[in-house]
Amino acid sequence: MSIRIDLQKNLSGELTKSLRAELAKVVRETAFAIEADAKQRAPVDTGALRSSIQADVKDAETLLQAEVAVGVEYGPYVELGTVHQSAQPFLTPAVEAQRQPFEQRIAEAIERAGK
């Protein structure tokens, strides 16, 4: 299970190398912040759910993307609930907690690059 946030911003021309590096840093740091927060929020029985939450930031500088995923097959059932079990959201609240700081940091980096 993963949650995808797409940030779309029309940047005129090529991204400068320094801006791309700064944006990649924001993406990477945000992904790890979401991972840490989701692990804190995840309910614990055996600890397998919590330890399966991982951020993947392969090639963040080129793609400017990262993924935070839950590796156990029952992760979506815990997050979203079932007819037999109430939802115990942990990943969605972690993403939402980072949304505003992420958007702010991205906007600040782009504004600095435009000066």
Protein backbone atom coordinates (compact mmCIF):
# COMPACT_ATOMS: atom_id res chain seq x y z
CA MET A 1 0.00 0.00 0.00
CA SER A 2 1.31 3.42 -0.84
CA ILE A 3 -0.13 6.89 -1.03
CA ARG A 4 0.92 9.09 -3.89
CA ILE A 5 1.10 12.87 -3.72
CA ASP A 6 1.70 14.56 -7.04
CA LEU A 7 3.01 18.07 -6.95
CA GLN A 8 2.63 19.71 -10.31
CA LYS A 9 4.20 23.06 -10.88
CA ASN A 10 4.88 24.69 -14.22
CA LEU A 11 8.51 25.74 -14.07
CA SER A 12 9.66 27.83 -17.00
CA GLY A 13 12.74 26.41 -18.65
CA GLU A 14 15.09 23.84 -17.23
CA LEU A 15 15.47 23.31 -13.51
CA THR A 16 18.86 24.50 -12.43
CA LYS A 17 21.11 21.87 -10.95
CA SER A 18 21.05 23.58 -7.55
CA LEU A 19 17.24 23.88 -7.54
CA ARG A 20 16.87 20.24 -8.57
CA ALA A 21 19.20 19.23 -5.73
CA GLU A 22 17.27 21.34 -3.24
CA LEU A 23 13.91 19.94 -4.40
CA ALA A 24 15.30 16.40 -4.20
CA LYS A 25 16.42 17.09 -0.62
CA VAL A 26 12.90 18.27 0.29
CA VAL A 27 11.35 15.18 -1.32
CA ARG A 28 13.79 12.85 0.44
CA GLU A 29 13.42 14.49 3.87
CA THR A 30 9.63 14.55 3.57
CA ALA A 31 9.50 10.86 2.63
CA PHE A 32 11.57 9.93 5.68
CA ALA A 33 9.46 12.19 7.91
CA ILE A 34 6.31 10.45 6.66
CA GLU A 35 7.92 7.06 7.29
CA ALA A 36 8.88 8.00 10.86
CA ASP A 37 5.47 9.49 11.63
CA ALA A 38 3.60 6.50 10.15
CA LYS A 39 5.71 4.14 12.25
CA GLN A 40 4.82 6.12 15.37
CA ARG A 41 1.12 6.06 14.50
CA ALA A 42 0.91 2.40 13.41
CA PRO A 43 -0.83 0.10 15.87
CA VAL A 44 1.47 -2.57 17.28
CA ASP A 45 0.66 -6.20 17.87
CA THR A 46 3.75 -8.06 16.68
CA GLY A 47 5.57 -5.01 15.28
CA ALA A 48 5.56 -6.41 11.74
CA LEU A 49 3.34 -3.62 10.40
CA ARG A 50 5.47 -0.90 11.93
CA SER A 51 8.76 -2.37 10.73
CA SER A 52 7.39 -2.88 7.20
CA ILE A 53 6.83 0.85 6.62
CA GLN A 54 9.65 2.04 4.38
CA ALA A 55 10.50 5.15 2.38
CA ASP A 56 12.02 4.56 -1.05
CA VAL A 57 13.88 7.50 -2.53
CA LYS A 58 15.67 5.90 -5.46
CA ASP A 59 17.07 8.50 -7.80
CA ALA A 60 15.20 11.35 -6.11
CA GLU A 61 17.37 13.96 -7.78
CA THR A 62 16.42 12.83 -11.28
CA LEU A 63 12.79 11.94 -10.75
CA LEU A 64 11.95 14.19 -7.79
CA GLN A 65 9.78 11.48 -6.32
CA ALA A 66 9.72 9.12 -3.40
CA GLU A 67 7.37 6.46 -2.10
CA VAL A 68 6.42 5.43 1.40
CA ALA A 69 4.99 1.92 1.36
CA VAL A 70 3.70 -0.66 3.79
CA GLY A 71 5.22 -4.07 3.16
CA VAL A 72 2.76 -6.35 4.95
CA GLU A 73 -0.27 -7.51 3.02
CA TYR A 74 -2.70 -6.53 5.76
CA GLY A 75 -1.56 -2.90 5.86
CA PRO A 76 -4.53 -1.60 3.82
CA TYR A 77 -6.98 -3.42 6.09
CA VAL A 78 -5.50 -1.75 9.17
CA GLU A 79 -5.40 1.67 7.48
CA LEU A 80 -8.87 1.53 5.93
CA GLY A 81 -10.68 -1.01 8.09
CA THR A 82 -12.92 -3.90 7.10
CA VAL A 83 -16.47 -4.95 7.83
CA HIS A 84 -15.06 -6.70 10.92
CA GLN A 85 -12.48 -4.16 12.04
CA SER A 86 -12.54 -0.39 12.41
CA ALA A 87 -9.98 1.63 10.49
CA GLN A 88 -6.80 2.54 12.35
CA PRO A 89 -5.27 5.11 9.99
CA PHE A 90 -1.55 5.59 10.33
CA LEU A 91 -0.21 6.36 6.85
CA THR A 92 -2.80 8.90 5.72
CA PRO A 93 -2.46 11.05 8.86
CA ALA A 94 1.34 10.90 8.51
CA VAL A 95 1.08 12.15 4.92
CA GLU A 96 -1.38 14.87 5.88
CA ALA A 97 0.88 16.06 8.70
CA GLN A 98 3.68 16.60 6.17
CA ARG A 99 1.62 18.07 3.33
CA GLN A 100 1.72 21.74 4.39
CA PRO A 101 5.40 21.77 5.42
CA PHE A 102 6.29 20.00 2.14
CA GLU A 103 4.34 22.46 0.00
CA GLN A 104 5.85 25.39 1.91
CA ARG A 105 9.42 24.14 1.50
CA ILE A 106 8.90 23.48 -2.21
CA ALA A 107 7.40 26.94 -2.75
CA GLU A 108 10.27 28.59 -0.85
CA ALA A 109 12.87 26.72 -2.92
CA ILE A 110 11.19 27.69 -6.18
CA GLU A 111 10.85 31.32 -5.07
CA ARG A 112 14.54 31.48 -4.12
CA ALA A 113 15.47 30.04 -7.52
CA GLY A 114 13.38 32.67 -9.30
CA LYS A 115 15.33 35.56 -7.72
